Amino acid sequence: MSGIQLSSDLVSRLKAVVVEHDAEADNDMLFMQYLAAVTGFIMAHQGQPGLDKGEFINDLAGFMGQVVKQVEADNQPQAPQEGAFGIWKPE
């Protein structure tokens, strides 16, 4: 799953498509339900031999959790870096 490039623009465009289908999906919680339902819909149509759909769904849930943690960390305000001061003298 590497190489995925998320952006606010991508999410906004996806949401616009879903809202065009269902105006109530402007609510983020309903929009997320649509995304989950689309994932389930696509998964139901997969027929690769040996694909453990339940395990893959669990992997996707774990991946989603990692994305949440990363985005939350990226959105945390960074403390201003303090400049160094003083004079260093070798002993």
Protein backbone atom coordinates (compact mmCIF):
# COMPACT_ATOMS: atom_id res chain seq x y z
CA MET A 1 0.00 0.00 0.00
CA SER A 2 2.94 2.30 -0.39
CA GLY A 3 2.86 5.17 -2.78
CA ILE A 4 -0.56 6.43 -1.74
CA GLN A 5 -0.71 10.19 -1.97
CA LEU A 6 -3.42 11.78 0.14
CA SER A 7 -4.31 15.44 0.00
CA SER A 8 -7.12 17.68 1.12
CA ASP A 9 -7.91 18.26 -2.56
CA LEU A 10 -8.32 14.53 -3.24
CA VAL A 11 -10.63 14.09 -0.24
CA SER A 12 -12.65 17.17 -1.25
CA ARG A 13 -13.10 15.85 -4.77
CA LEU A 14 -14.16 12.41 -3.55
CA LYS A 15 -16.60 14.01 -1.15
CA ALA A 16 -18.03 16.20 -3.92
CA VAL A 17 -18.77 13.10 -6.00
CA VAL A 18 -20.53 11.39 -3.08
CA VAL A 19 -22.47 14.57 -2.18
CA GLU A 20 -23.59 14.80 -5.82
CA HIS A 21 -25.07 11.32 -5.32
CA ASP A 22 -26.46 12.06 -1.83
CA ALA A 23 -26.57 15.65 -0.55
CA GLU A 24 -26.70 14.42 3.06
CA ALA A 25 -23.19 12.98 2.62
CA ASP A 26 -21.92 16.51 3.21
CA ASN A 27 -21.90 15.28 6.82
CA ASP A 28 -18.42 13.81 7.38
CA MET A 29 -19.72 10.84 9.36
CA LEU A 30 -22.08 9.81 6.56
CA PHE A 31 -19.35 10.44 3.99
CA MET A 32 -17.05 8.04 5.86
CA GLN A 33 -19.84 5.45 5.87
CA TYR A 34 -20.06 5.78 2.10
CA LEU A 35 -16.30 5.24 1.79
CA ALA A 36 -16.52 2.13 3.96
CA ALA A 37 -19.52 0.85 1.98
CA VAL A 38 -17.68 1.39 -1.31
CA THR A 39 -14.74 -0.60 0.06
CA GLY A 40 -17.09 -3.40 1.06
CA PHE A 41 -18.80 -3.29 -2.33
CA ILE A 42 -15.47 -3.60 -4.15
CA MET A 43 -14.29 -6.34 -1.80
CA ALA A 44 -17.47 -8.35 -2.43
CA HIS A 45 -16.63 -8.43 -6.13
CA GLN A 46 -13.09 -9.75 -5.66
CA GLY A 47 -12.56 -13.34 -6.68
CA GLN A 48 -8.82 -13.89 -6.42
CA PRO A 49 -8.07 -17.43 -5.25
CA GLY A 50 -6.71 -17.52 -1.73
CA LEU A 51 -7.83 -13.98 -0.87
CA ASP A 52 -8.87 -13.91 2.77
CA LYS A 53 -11.34 -11.03 2.61
CA GLY A 54 -11.75 -10.80 6.38
CA GLU A 55 -8.00 -10.59 6.91
CA PHE A 56 -7.66 -7.96 4.18
CA ILE A 57 -10.47 -5.91 5.75
CA ASN A 58 -8.65 -6.10 9.10
CA ASP A 59 -5.44 -4.97 7.38
CA LEU A 60 -7.32 -2.03 5.87
CA ALA A 61 -8.69 -1.09 9.31
CA GLY A 62 -5.16 -1.16 10.74
CA PHE A 63 -3.91 0.94 7.84
CA MET A 64 -6.70 3.43 8.41
CA GLY A 65 -5.64 3.70 12.06
CA GLN A 66 -2.04 4.40 11.01
CA VAL A 67 -3.23 7.16 8.68
CA VAL A 68 -5.29 8.72 11.50
CA LYS A 69 -2.26 8.74 13.83
CA GLN A 70 0.05 10.17 11.17
CA VAL A 71 -2.33 12.94 10.08
CA GLU A 72 -3.08 13.87 13.70
CA ALA A 73 0.66 14.01 14.43
CA ASP A 74 1.25 16.12 11.32
CA ASN A 75 -1.48 18.53 12.42
CA GLN A 76 -0.10 19.01 15.94
CA PRO A 77 1.29 22.52 16.44
CA GLN A 78 5.03 22.38 16.64
CA ALA A 79 6.68 24.08 19.59
CA PRO A 80 8.94 26.90 18.48
CA GLN A 81 12.56 25.93 18.50
CA GLU A 82 14.60 27.87 21.00
CA GLY A 83 17.86 29.28 19.79
CA ALA A 84 21.06 28.24 21.46
CA PHE A 85 22.77 30.75 23.67
CA GLY A 86 25.89 31.00 25.74
CA ILE A 87 29.54 30.46 25.04
CA TRP A 88 31.08 27.03 24.82
CA LYS A 89 34.56 26.63 26.22
CA PRO A 90 36.54 23.45 25.92
CA GLU A 91 37.65 21.94 29.22
